[in-house]
């Protein structure tokens, strides 16, 4: 599955920009492959994002703000959900990715 982060490149909100940067920076730092989708440039993608965010995650008024994260067509969550998964060390399951296998000393070969 491709991780897609829906962003707004021309957002006037400093909070939105910081949240987008935090997610993108984390994914890049952890070498997690993802695709940025700029909803300010791609009208069809903006509409798709709005239509695929679950009802309970939509604000009472207005549209959901970026960043929004999807794994393929599956909704993962927004910045708050992402932040919570970072705090609980569950980012890979949040993103619906298999856990990373950590290589241990016993499996290293010293030839």
PDB file of N, CA and C in Angstrom:
ATOM      1  N   UNK A   1       0.827  -1.189   0.000  1.00  0.00           N
ATOM      2  CA  UNK A   1       0.000   0.000   0.000  1.00  0.00           C
ATOM      3  C   UNK A   1       0.873   1.256   0.000  1.00  0.00           C
ATOM      4  N   UNK A   2       0.438   2.235  -0.719  1.00  0.00           N
ATOM      5  CA  UNK A   2       1.140   3.514  -0.747  1.00  0.00           C
ATOM      6  C   UNK A   2       0.559   4.406   0.350  1.00  0.00           C
ATOM      7  N   UNK A   3       1.435   4.949   1.177  1.00  0.00           N
ATOM      8  CA  UNK A   3       1.016   5.917   2.182  1.00  0.00           C
ATOM      9  C   UNK A   3       0.867   7.249   1.466  1.00  0.00           C
ATOM     10  N   UNK A   4      -0.297   7.854   1.629  1.00  0.00           N
ATOM     11  CA  UNK A   4      -0.547   9.156   1.003  1.00  0.00           C
ATOM     12  C   UNK A   4      -0.854  10.181   2.088  1.00  0.00           C
ATOM     13  N   UNK A   5      -0.103  11.282   2.055  1.00  0.00           N
ATOM     14  CA  UNK A   5      -0.312  12.374   3.000  1.00  0.00           C
ATOM     15  C   UNK A   5      -0.906  13.533   2.207  1.00  0.00           C
ATOM     16  N   UNK A   6      -2.146  13.861   2.533  1.00  0.00           N
ATOM     17  CA  UNK A   6      -2.830  14.969   1.865  1.00  0.00           C
ATOM     18  C   UNK A   6      -2.454  16.261   2.574  1.00  0.00           C
ATOM     19  N   UNK A   7      -1.841  17.176   1.816  1.00  0.00           N
ATOM     20  CA  UNK A   7      -1.358  18.440   2.362  1.00  0.00           C
ATOM     21  C   UNK A   7      -1.961  19.603   1.589  1.00  0.00           C
ATOM     22  N   UNK A   8      -1.752  20.811   2.108  1.00  0.00           N
ATOM     23  CA  UNK A   8      -2.134  22.038   1.406  1.00  0.00           C
ATOM     24  C   UNK A   8      -0.900  22.921   1.355  1.00  0.00           C
ATOM     25  N   UNK A   9      -0.286  23.014   0.175  1.00  0.00           N
ATOM     26  CA  UNK A   9       0.961  23.765   0.042  1.00  0.00           C
ATOM     27  C   UNK A   9       0.771  25.256   0.252  1.00  0.00           C
ATOM     28  N   UNK A  10      -0.420  25.752   0.006  1.00  0.00           N
ATOM     29  CA  UNK A  10      -0.645  27.192   0.133  1.00  0.00           C
ATOM     30  C   UNK A  10      -1.534  27.545   1.327  1.00  0.00           C
ATOM     31  N   UNK A  11      -1.447  26.744   2.371  1.00  0.00           N
ATOM     32  CA  UNK A  11      -2.236  27.023   3.575  1.00  0.00           C
ATOM     33  C   UNK A  11      -1.724  28.291   4.245  1.00  0.00           C
ATOM     34  N   UNK A  12      -2.637  29.122   4.711  1.00  0.00           N
ATOM     35  CA  UNK A  12      -2.268  30.326   5.441  1.00  0.00           C
ATOM     36  C   UNK A  12      -2.077  30.052   6.922  1.00  0.00           C
ATOM     37  N   UNK A  13      -2.381  28.838   7.349  1.00  0.00           N
ATOM     38  CA  UNK A  13      -2.307  28.479   8.758  1.00  0.00           C
ATOM     39  C   UNK A  13      -0.924  27.943   9.119  1.00  0.00           C
ATOM     40  N   UNK A  14      -0.283  28.593  10.081  1.00  0.00           N
ATOM     41  CA  UNK A  14       1.021  28.140  10.550  1.00  0.00           C
ATOM     42  C   UNK A  14       0.886  26.761  11.199  1.00  0.00           C
ATOM     43  N   UNK A  15      -0.198  26.541  11.934  1.00  0.00           N
ATOM     44  CA  UNK A  15      -0.408  25.247  12.596  1.00  0.00           C
ATOM     45  C   UNK A  15      -0.501  24.115  11.577  1.00  0.00           C
ATOM     46  N   UNK A  16      -1.251  24.333  10.495  1.00  0.00           N
ATOM     47  CA  UNK A  16      -1.382  23.311   9.447  1.00  0.00           C
ATOM     48  C   UNK A  16      -0.019  23.029   8.827  1.00  0.00           C
ATOM     49  N   UNK A  17       0.744  24.072   8.532  1.00  0.00           N
ATOM     50  CA  UNK A  17       2.072  23.895   7.928  1.00  0.00           C
ATOM     51  C   UNK A  17       2.993  23.098   8.854  1.00  0.00           C
ATOM     52  N   UNK A  18       2.984  23.424  10.140  1.00  0.00           N
ATOM     53  CA  UNK A  18       3.842  22.714  11.097  1.00  0.00           C
ATOM     54  C   UNK A  18       3.441  21.255  11.217  1.00  0.00           C
ATOM     55  N   UNK A  19       2.158  20.989  11.220  1.00  0.00           N
ATOM     56  CA  UNK A  19       1.682  19.608  11.324  1.00  0.00           C
ATOM     57  C   UNK A  19       2.075  18.814  10.083  1.00  0.00           C
ATOM     58  N   UNK A  20       1.934  19.418   8.914  1.00  0.00           N
ATOM     59  CA  UNK A  20       2.336  18.751   7.668  1.00  0.00           C
ATOM     60  C   UNK A  20       3.828  18.445   7.704  1.00  0.00           C
ATOM     61  N   UNK A  21       4.627  19.428   8.111  1.00  0.00           N
ATOM     62  CA  UNK A  21       6.078  19.248   8.172  1.00  0.00           C
ATOM     63  C   UNK A  21       6.458  18.154   9.166  1.00  0.00           C
ATOM     64  N   UNK A  22       5.751  18.085  10.282  1.00  0.00           N
ATOM     65  CA  UNK A  22       6.056  17.069  11.295  1.00  0.00           C
ATOM     66  C   UNK A  22       5.836  15.665  10.745  1.00  0.00           C
ATOM     67  N   UNK A  23       4.730  15.469  10.042  1.00  0.00           N
ATOM     68  CA  UNK A  23       4.438  14.140   9.484  1.00  0.00           C
ATOM     69  C   UNK A  23       5.423  13.790   8.376  1.00  0.00           C
ATOM     70  N   UNK A  24       5.603  14.695   7.431  1.00  0.00           N
ATOM     71  CA  UNK A  24       6.506  14.444   6.306  1.00  0.00           C
ATOM     72  C   UNK A  24       7.933  14.216   6.820  1.00  0.00           C
ATOM     73  N   UNK A  25       8.368  15.029   7.759  1.00  0.00           N
ATOM     74  CA  UNK A  25       9.714  14.886   8.327  1.00  0.00           C
ATOM     75  C   UNK A  25       9.907  13.542   9.002  1.00  0.00           C
ATOM     76  N   UNK A  26       8.912  13.096   9.761  1.00  0.00           N
ATOM     77  CA  UNK A  26       8.992  11.800  10.428  1.00  0.00           C
ATOM     78  C   UNK A  26       9.078  10.671   9.413  1.00  0.00           C
ATOM     79  N   UNK A  27       8.224  10.711   8.399  1.00  0.00           N
ATOM     80  CA  UNK A  27       8.225   9.662   7.373  1.00  0.00           C
ATOM     81  C   UNK A  27       9.562   9.619   6.641  1.00  0.00           C
ATOM     82  N   UNK A  28      10.090  10.792   6.279  1.00  0.00           N
ATOM     83  CA  UNK A  28      11.383  10.844   5.591  1.00  0.00           C
ATOM     84  C   UNK A  28      12.505  10.331   6.493  1.00  0.00           C
ATOM     85  N   UNK A  29      12.526  10.764   7.751  1.00  0.00           N
ATOM     86  CA  UNK A  29      13.579  10.362   8.687  1.00  0.00           C
ATOM     87  C   UNK A  29      13.572   8.855   8.930  1.00  0.00           C
ATOM     88  N   UNK A  30      12.403   8.253   8.873  1.00  0.00           N
ATOM     89  CA  UNK A  30      12.278   6.817   9.110  1.00  0.00           C
ATOM     90  C   UNK A  30      12.235   6.004   7.819  1.00  0.00           C
ATOM     91  N   UNK A  31      12.524   6.668   6.718  1.00  0.00           N
ATOM     92  CA  UNK A  31      12.580   6.040   5.391  1.00  0.00           C
ATOM     93  C   UNK A  31      11.306   5.256   5.071  1.00  0.00           C
ATOM     94  N   UNK A  32      10.180   5.856   5.427  1.00  0.00           N
ATOM     95  CA  UNK A  32       8.882   5.273   5.098  1.00  0.00           C
ATOM     96  C   UNK A  32       8.431   5.894   3.789  1.00  0.00           C
ATOM     97  N   UNK A  33       8.237   5.061   2.800  1.00  0.00           N
ATOM     98  CA  UNK A  33       7.842   5.538   1.480  1.00  0.00           C
ATOM     99  C   UNK A  33       6.431   6.126   1.535  1.00  0.00           C
ATOM    100  N   UNK A  34       6.260   7.308   0.947  1.00  0.00           N
ATOM    101  CA  UNK A  34       4.958   7.963   0.938  1.00  0.00           C
ATOM    102  C   UNK A  34       4.848   8.890  -0.258  1.00  0.00           C
ATOM    103  N   UNK A  35       3.654   9.338  -0.477  1.00  0.00           N
ATOM    104  CA  UNK A  35       3.357  10.250  -1.579  1.00  0.00           C
ATOM    105  C   UNK A  35       2.624  11.451  -0.984  1.00  0.00           C
ATOM    106  N   UNK A  36       3.090  12.651  -1.313  1.00  0.00           N
ATOM    107  CA  UNK A  36       2.395  13.871  -0.900  1.00  0.00           C
ATOM    108  C   UNK A  36       1.359  14.202  -1.950  1.00  0.00           C
ATOM    109  N   UNK A  37       0.149  14.500  -1.504  1.00  0.00           N
ATOM    110  CA  UNK A  37      -0.917  14.888  -2.422  1.00  0.00           C
ATOM    111  C   UNK A  37      -1.348  16.291  -2.018  1.00  0.00           C
ATOM    112  N   UNK A  38      -1.086  17.252  -2.888  1.00  0.00           N
ATOM    113  CA  UNK A  38      -1.395  18.652  -2.606  1.00  0.00           C
ATOM    114  C   UNK A  38      -2.826  18.962  -3.031  1.00  0.00           C
ATOM    115  N   UNK A  39      -3.701  19.119  -2.049  1.00  0.00           N
ATOM    116  CA  UNK A  39      -5.125  19.336  -2.357  1.00  0.00           C
ATOM    117  C   UNK A  39      -5.405  20.746  -2.882  1.00  0.00           C
ATOM    118  N   UNK A  40      -4.426  21.652  -2.787  1.00  0.00           N
ATOM    119  CA  UNK A  40      -4.639  22.986  -3.349  1.00  0.00           C
ATOM    120  C   UNK A  40      -4.397  22.996  -4.854  1.00  0.00           C
ATOM    121  N   UNK A  41      -3.718  21.970  -5.349  1.00  0.00           N
ATOM    122  CA  UNK A  41      -3.407  21.899  -6.781  1.00  0.00           C
ATOM    123  C   UNK A  41      -4.267  20.870  -7.515  1.00  0.00           C
ATOM    124  N   UNK A  42      -4.801  19.905  -6.781  1.00  0.00           N
ATOM    125  CA  UNK A  42      -5.520  18.792  -7.408  1.00  0.00           C
ATOM    126  C   UNK A  42      -6.947  18.719  -6.862  1.00  0.00           C
ATOM    127  N   UNK A  43      -7.859  19.366  -7.536  1.00  0.00           N
ATOM    128  CA  UNK A  43      -9.259  19.444  -7.101  1.00  0.00           C
ATOM    129  C   UNK A  43      -9.881  18.062  -6.923  1.00  0.00           C
ATOM    130  N   UNK A  44      -9.620  17.157  -7.866  1.00  0.00           N
ATOM    131  CA  UNK A  44     -10.212  15.814  -7.760  1.00  0.00           C
ATOM    132  C   UNK A  44      -9.699  15.078  -6.524  1.00  0.00           C
ATOM    133  N   UNK A  45      -8.425  15.280  -6.181  1.00  0.00           N
ATOM    134  CA  UNK A  45      -7.867  14.638  -4.991  1.00  0.00           C
ATOM    135  C   UNK A  45      -8.430  15.250  -3.703  1.00  0.00           C
ATOM    136  N   UNK A  46      -8.671  16.570  -3.720  1.00  0.00           N
ATOM    137  CA  UNK A  46      -9.270  17.230  -2.562  1.00  0.00           C
ATOM    138  C   UNK A  46     -10.661  16.663  -2.312  1.00  0.00           C
ATOM    139  N   UNK A  47     -11.443  16.540  -3.362  1.00  0.00           N
ATOM    140  CA  UNK A  47     -12.789  15.984  -3.223  1.00  0.00           C
ATOM    141  C   UNK A  47     -12.741  14.527  -2.771  1.00  0.00           C
ATOM    142  N   UNK A  48     -11.801  13.762  -3.327  1.00  0.00           N
ATOM    143  CA  UNK A  48     -11.651  12.356  -2.927  1.00  0.00           C
ATOM    144  C   UNK A  48     -11.340  12.274  -1.436  1.00  0.00           C
ATOM    145  N   UNK A  49     -10.411  13.123  -0.969  1.00  0.00           N
ATOM    146  CA  UNK A  49     -10.046  13.125   0.444  1.00  0.00           C
ATOM    147  C   UNK A  49     -11.273  13.413   1.307  1.00  0.00           C
ATOM    148  N   UNK A  50     -12.015  14.462   0.959  1.00  0.00           N
ATOM    149  CA  UNK A  50     -13.206  14.821   1.737  1.00  0.00           C
ATOM    150  C   UNK A  50     -14.208  13.674   1.793  1.00  0.00           C
ATOM    151  N   UNK A  51     -14.404  13.008   0.678  1.00  0.00           N
ATOM    152  CA  UNK A  51     -15.398  11.936   0.599  1.00  0.00           C
ATOM    153  C   UNK A  51     -14.967  10.672   1.346  1.00  0.00           C
ATOM    154  N   UNK A  52     -13.665  10.497   1.557  1.00  0.00           N
ATOM    155  CA  UNK A  52     -13.166   9.257   2.153  1.00  0.00           C
ATOM    156  C   UNK A  52     -12.738   9.379   3.609  1.00  0.00           C
ATOM    157  N   UNK A  53     -12.968  10.519   4.203  1.00  0.00           N
ATOM    158  CA  UNK A  53     -12.741  10.671   5.640  1.00  0.00           C
ATOM    159  C   UNK A  53     -14.019  10.238   6.337  1.00  0.00           C
ATOM    160  N   UNK A  54     -13.909   9.307   7.301  1.00  0.00           N
ATOM    161  CA  UNK A  54     -15.114   8.814   7.985  1.00  0.00           C
ATOM    162  C   UNK A  54     -15.914   9.942   8.642  1.00  0.00           C
ATOM    163  N   UNK A  55     -17.205   9.764   8.677  1.00  0.00           N
ATOM    164  CA  UNK A  55     -18.126  10.767   9.215  1.00  0.00           C
ATOM    165  C   UNK A  55     -17.697  11.259  10.605  1.00  0.00           C
ATOM    166  N   UNK A  56     -17.301  10.329  11.474  1.00  0.00           N
ATOM    167  CA  UNK A  56     -16.952  10.708  12.848  1.00  0.00           C
ATOM    168  C   UNK A  56     -15.676  11.536  12.943  1.00  0.00           C
ATOM    169  N   UNK A  57     -14.883  11.591  11.867  1.00  0.00           N
ATOM    170  CA  UNK A  57     -13.650  12.384  11.863  1.00  0.00           C
ATOM    171  C   UNK A  57     -13.815  13.738  11.188  1.00  0.00           C
ATOM    172  N   UNK A  58     -15.028  14.031  10.729  1.00  0.00           N
ATOM    173  CA  UNK A  58     -15.270  15.310  10.052  1.00  0.00           C
ATOM    174  C   UNK A  58     -15.683  16.371  11.070  1.00  0.00           C
ATOM    175  N   UNK A  59     -15.245  17.610  10.842  1.00  0.00           N
ATOM    176  CA  UNK A  59     -15.659  18.672  11.754  1.00  0.00           C
ATOM    177  C   UNK A  59     -17.155  18.982  11.598  1.00  0.00           C
ATOM    178  N   UNK A  60     -17.748  19.548  12.648  1.00  0.00           N
ATOM    179  CA  UNK A  60     -19.171  19.893  12.579  1.00  0.00           C
ATOM    180  C   UNK A  60     -19.438  20.923  11.488  1.00  0.00           C
ATOM    181  N   UNK A  61     -18.490  21.855  11.342  1.00  0.00           N
ATOM    182  CA  UNK A  61     -18.625  22.888  10.307  1.00  0.00           C
ATOM    183  C   UNK A  61     -17.382  22.878   9.426  1.00  0.00           C
ATOM    184  N   UNK A  62     -17.586  23.105   8.154  1.00  0.00           N
ATOM    185  CA  UNK A  62     -16.461  23.182   7.233  1.00  0.00           C
ATOM    186  C   UNK A  62     -15.929  21.826   6.827  1.00  0.00           C
ATOM    187  N   UNK A  63     -14.781  21.850   6.196  1.00  0.00           N
ATOM    188  CA  UNK A  63     -14.141  20.634   5.697  1.00  0.00           C
ATOM    189  C   UNK A  63     -12.975  20.234   6.590  1.00  0.00           C
ATOM    190  N   UNK A  64     -12.615  18.947   6.572  1.00  0.00           N
ATOM    191  CA  UNK A  64     -11.446  18.502   7.343  1.00  0.00           C
ATOM    192  C   UNK A  64     -10.184  19.186   6.826  1.00  0.00           C
ATOM    193  N   UNK A  65      -9.318  19.561   7.735  1.00  0.00           N
ATOM    194  CA  UNK A  65      -8.081  20.231   7.352  1.00  0.00           C
ATOM    195  C   UNK A  65      -6.964  19.219   7.145  1.00  0.00           C
ATOM    196  N   UNK A  66      -6.051  19.517   6.221  1.00  0.00           N
ATOM    197  CA  UNK A  66      -4.871  18.680   6.097  1.00  0.00           C
ATOM    198  C   UNK A  66      -3.970  18.926   7.320  1.00  0.00           C
ATOM    199  N   UNK A  67      -3.057  18.054   7.584  1.00  0.00           N
ATOM    200  CA  UNK A  67      -2.765  16.821   6.865  1.00  0.00           C
ATOM    201  C   UNK A  67      -3.727  15.690   7.237  1.00  0.00           C
ATOM    202  N   UNK A  68      -4.035  14.881   6.246  1.00  0.00           N
ATOM    203  CA  UNK A  68      -4.839  13.669   6.415  1.00  0.00           C
ATOM    204  C   UNK A  68      -4.025  12.530   5.809  1.00  0.00           C
ATOM    205  N   UNK A  69      -4.059  11.371   6.456  1.00  0.00           N
ATOM    206  CA  UNK A  69      -3.193  10.261   6.038  1.00  0.00           C
ATOM    207  C   UNK A  69      -4.038   9.055   5.636  1.00  0.00           C
ATOM    208  N   UNK A  70      -3.670   8.484   4.488  1.00  0.00           N
ATOM    209  CA  UNK A  70      -4.322   7.283   3.973  1.00  0.00           C
ATOM    210  C   UNK A  70      -3.262   6.247   3.647  1.00  0.00           C
ATOM    211  N   UNK A  71      -3.616   4.989   3.808  1.00  0.00           N
ATOM    212  CA  UNK A  71      -2.800   3.875   3.332  1.00  0.00           C
ATOM    213  C   UNK A  71      -3.589   3.277   2.180  1.00  0.00           C
ATOM    214  N   UNK A  72      -3.157   3.567   0.962  1.00  0.00           N
ATOM    215  CA  UNK A  72      -3.982   3.221  -0.198  1.00  0.00           C
ATOM    216  C   UNK A  72      -5.273   4.004  -0.098  1.00  0.00           C
ATOM    217  N   UNK A  73      -6.404   3.301  -0.098  1.00  0.00           N
ATOM    218  CA  UNK A  73      -7.704   3.953   0.045  1.00  0.00           C
ATOM    219  C   UNK A  73      -8.218   3.915   1.483  1.00  0.00           C
ATOM    220  N   UNK A  74      -7.445   3.319   2.397  1.00  0.00           N
ATOM    221  CA  UNK A  74      -7.863   3.204   3.801  1.00  0.00           C
ATOM    222  C   UNK A  74      -7.457   4.443   4.577  1.00  0.00           C
ATOM    223  N   UNK A  75      -8.425   5.030   5.262  1.00  0.00           N
ATOM    224  CA  UNK A  75      -8.151   6.206   6.082  1.00  0.00           C
ATOM    225  C   UNK A  75      -7.390   5.795   7.333  1.00  0.00           C
ATOM    226  N   UNK A  76      -6.246   6.434   7.575  1.00  0.00           N
ATOM    227  CA  UNK A  76      -5.466   6.174   8.789  1.00  0.00           C
ATOM    228  C   UNK A  76      -5.833   7.187   9.870  1.00  0.00           C
ATOM    229  N   UNK A  77      -5.834   8.469   9.503  1.00  0.00           N
ATOM    230  CA  UNK A  77      -6.165   9.486  10.481  1.00  0.00           C
ATOM    231  C   UNK A  77      -5.598  10.845  10.122  1.00  0.00           C
ATOM    232  N   UNK A  78      -5.767  11.745  11.076  1.00  0.00           N
ATOM    233  CA  UNK A  78      -5.274  13.108  10.907  1.00  0.00           C
ATOM    234  C   UNK A  78      -4.014  13.297  11.754  1.00  0.00           C
ATOM    235  N   UNK A  79      -3.593  14.549  11.930  1.00  0.00           N
ATOM    236  CA  UNK A  79      -2.373  14.806  12.691  1.00  0.00           C
ATOM    237  C   UNK A  79      -2.483  14.298  14.125  1.00  0.00           C
ATOM    238  N   UNK A  80      -3.614  14.534  14.769  1.00  0.00           N
ATOM    239  CA  UNK A  80      -3.787  14.102  16.164  1.00  0.00           C
ATOM    240  C   UNK A  80      -3.628  12.587  16.290  1.00  0.00           C
ATOM    241  N   UNK A  81      -4.229  11.845  15.355  1.00  0.00           N
ATOM    242  CA  UNK A  81      -4.117  10.382  15.364  1.00  0.00           C
ATOM    243  C   UNK A  81      -2.660   9.954  15.142  1.00  0.00           C
ATOM    244  N   UNK A  82      -1.985  10.625  14.203  1.00  0.00           N
ATOM    245  CA  UNK A  82      -0.587  10.328  13.913  1.00  0.00           C
ATOM    246  C   UNK A  82       0.275  10.590  15.149  1.00  0.00           C
ATOM    247  N   UNK A  83       0.061  11.743  15.775  1.00  0.00           N
ATOM    248  CA  UNK A  83       0.839  12.117  16.951  1.00  0.00           C
ATOM    249  C   UNK A  83       0.647  11.085  18.065  1.00  0.00           C
ATOM    250  N   UNK A  84      -0.584  10.653  18.260  1.00  0.00           N
ATOM    251  CA  UNK A  84      -0.878   9.648  19.286  1.00  0.00           C
ATOM    252  C   UNK A  84      -0.148   8.332  18.981  1.00  0.00           C
ATOM    253  N   UNK A  85      -0.117   7.944  17.704  1.00  0.00           N
ATOM    254  CA  UNK A  85       0.573   6.702  17.336  1.00  0.00           C
ATOM    255  C   UNK A  85       2.079   6.828  17.558  1.00  0.00           C
ATOM    256  N   UNK A  86       2.628   8.024  17.362  1.00  0.00           N
ATOM    257  CA  UNK A  86       4.050   8.245  17.650  1.00  0.00           C
ATOM    258  C   UNK A  86       4.316   8.110  19.142  1.00  0.00           C
ATOM    259  N   UNK A  87       3.443   8.692  19.951  1.00  0.00           N
ATOM    260  CA  UNK A  87       3.599   8.659  21.408  1.00  0.00           C
ATOM    261  C   UNK A  87       3.523   7.236  21.955  1.00  0.00           C
ATOM    262  N   UNK A  88       2.707   6.398  21.331  1.00  0.00           N
ATOM    263  CA  UNK A  88       2.527   5.025  21.809  1.00  0.00           C
ATOM    264  C   UNK A  88       3.362   4.019  21.015  1.00  0.00           C
ATOM    265  N   UNK A  89       4.236   4.542  20.147  1.00  0.00           N
ATOM    266  CA  UNK A  89       5.136   3.706  19.350  1.00  0.00           C
ATOM    267  C   UNK A  89       4.375   2.693  18.493  1.00  0.00           C
ATOM    268  N   UNK A  90       3.293   3.135  17.881  1.00  0.00           N
ATOM    269  CA  UNK A  90       2.474   2.261  17.031  1.00  0.00           C
ATOM    270  C   UNK A  90       2.312   2.824  15.620  1.00  0.00           C
ATOM    271  N   UNK A  91       3.292   3.601  15.161  1.00  0.00           N
ATOM    272  CA  UNK A  91       3.176   4.259  13.857  1.00  0.00           C
ATOM    273  C   UNK A  91       3.001   3.256  12.723  1.00  0.00           C
ATOM    274  N   UNK A  92       3.746   2.143  12.761  1.00  0.00           N
ATOM    275  CA  UNK A  92       3.646   1.188  11.649  1.00  0.00           C
ATOM    276  C   UNK A  92       2.252   0.578  11.570  1.00  0.00           C
ATOM    277  N   UNK A  93       1.672   0.222  12.698  1.00  0.00           N
ATOM    278  CA  UNK A  93       0.305  -0.315  12.647  1.00  0.00           C
ATOM    279  C   UNK A  93      -0.689   0.776  12.280  1.00  0.00           C
ATOM    280  N   UNK A  94      -0.468   2.021  12.749  1.00  0.00           N
ATOM    281  CA  UNK A  94      -1.317   3.153  12.367  1.00  0.00           C
ATOM    282  C   UNK A  94      -1.320   3.322  10.847  1.00  0.00           C
ATOM    283  N   UNK A  95      -0.149   3.191  10.236  1.00  0.00           N
ATOM    284  CA  UNK A  95      -0.017   3.346   8.782  1.00  0.00           C
ATOM    285  C   UNK A  95      -0.358   2.064   8.025  1.00  0.00           C
ATOM    286  N   UNK A  96      -0.733   1.021   8.748  1.00  0.00           N
ATOM    287  CA  UNK A  96      -1.075  -0.281   8.183  1.00  0.00           C
ATOM    288  C   UNK A  96       0.106  -0.899   7.432  1.00  0.00           C
ATOM    289  N   UNK A  97       1.289  -0.729   8.040  1.00  0.00           N
ATOM    290  CA  UNK A  97       2.519  -1.285   7.485  1.00  0.00           C
ATOM    291  C   UNK A  97       2.991  -2.420   8.380  1.00  0.00           C
ATOM    292  N   UNK A  98       3.688  -3.407   7.802  1.00  0.00           N
ATOM    293  CA  UNK A  98       4.244  -4.464   8.642  1.00  0.00           C
ATOM    294  C   UNK A  98       5.325  -3.880   9.541  1.00  0.00           C
ATOM    295  N   UNK A  99       5.506  -4.430  10.739  1.00  0.00           N
ATOM    296  CA  UNK A  99       6.547  -3.907  11.632  1.00  0.00           C
ATOM    297  C   UNK A  99       7.936  -4.090  11.021  1.00  0.00           C
ATOM    298  N   UNK A 100       8.827  -3.200  11.367  1.00  0.00           N
ATOM    299  CA  UNK A 100      10.200  -3.281  10.875  1.00  0.00           C
ATOM    300  C   UNK A 100      10.942  -4.316  11.691  1.00  0.00           C
ATOM    301  N   UNK A 101      11.658  -5.178  10.996  1.00  0.00           N
ATOM    302  CA  UNK A 101      12.457  -6.186  11.688  1.00  0.00           C
ATOM    303  C   UNK A 101      13.792  -5.557  12.053  1.00  0.00           C
ATOM    304  N   UNK A 102      14.110  -5.620  13.331  1.00  0.00           N
ATOM    305  CA  UNK A 102      15.372  -5.072  13.817  1.00  0.00           C
ATOM    306  C   UNK A 102      16.394  -6.192  13.829  1.00  0.00           C
ATOM    307  N   UNK A 103      17.525  -5.931  13.195  1.00  0.00           N
ATOM    308  CA  UNK A 103      18.568  -6.953  13.146  1.00  0.00           C
ATOM    309  C   UNK A 103      19.307  -6.965  14.480  1.00  0.00           C
ATOM    310  N   UNK A 104      19.475  -8.146  15.043  1.00  0.00           N
ATOM    311  CA  UNK A 104      20.169  -8.272  16.315  1.00  0.00           C
ATOM    312  C   UNK A 104      21.602  -8.722  16.090  1.00  0.00           C
ATOM    313  N   UNK A 105      22.424  -8.561  17.117  1.00  0.00           N
ATOM    314  CA  UNK A 105      23.831  -8.944  17.009  1.00  0.00           C
ATOM    315  C   UNK A 105      24.004 -10.415  16.670  1.00  0.00           C
ATOM    316  N   UNK A 106      23.134 -11.262  17.177  1.00  0.00           N
ATOM    317  CA  UNK A 106      23.292 -12.704  16.975  1.00  0.00           C
ATOM    318  C   UNK A 106      23.119 -13.104  15.504  1.00  0.00           C
ATOM    319  N   UNK A 107      22.473 -12.261  14.717  1.00  0.00           N
ATOM    320  CA  UNK A 107      22.274 -12.620  13.313  1.00  0.00           C
ATOM    321  C   UNK A 107      23.329 -12.010  12.398  1.00  0.00           C
ATOM    322  N   UNK A 108      24.253 -11.226  12.981  1.00  0.00           N
ATOM    323  CA  UNK A 108      25.297 -10.642  12.171  1.00  0.00           C
ATOM    324  C   UNK A 108      26.379 -11.664  11.877  1.00  0.00           C
ATOM    325  N   UNK A 109      26.980 -11.539  10.740  1.00  0.00           N
ATOM    326  CA  UNK A 109      28.042 -12.455  10.349  1.00  0.00           C
ATOM    327  C   UNK A 109      29.364 -11.685  10.325  1.00  0.00           C
ATOM    328  N   UNK A 110      30.372 -12.197  10.996  1.00  0.00           N
ATOM    329  CA  UNK A 110      31.683 -11.574  11.020  1.00  0.00           C
ATOM    330  C   UNK A 110      32.679 -12.504  10.323  1.00  0.00           C
ATOM    331  N   UNK A 111      32.768 -12.417   9.028  1.00  0.00           N
ATOM    332  CA  UNK A 111      33.685 -13.298   8.289  1.00  0.00           C
ATOM    333  C   UNK A 111      34.936 -12.571   7.906  1.00  0.00           C
TER     334      UNK A 111
END
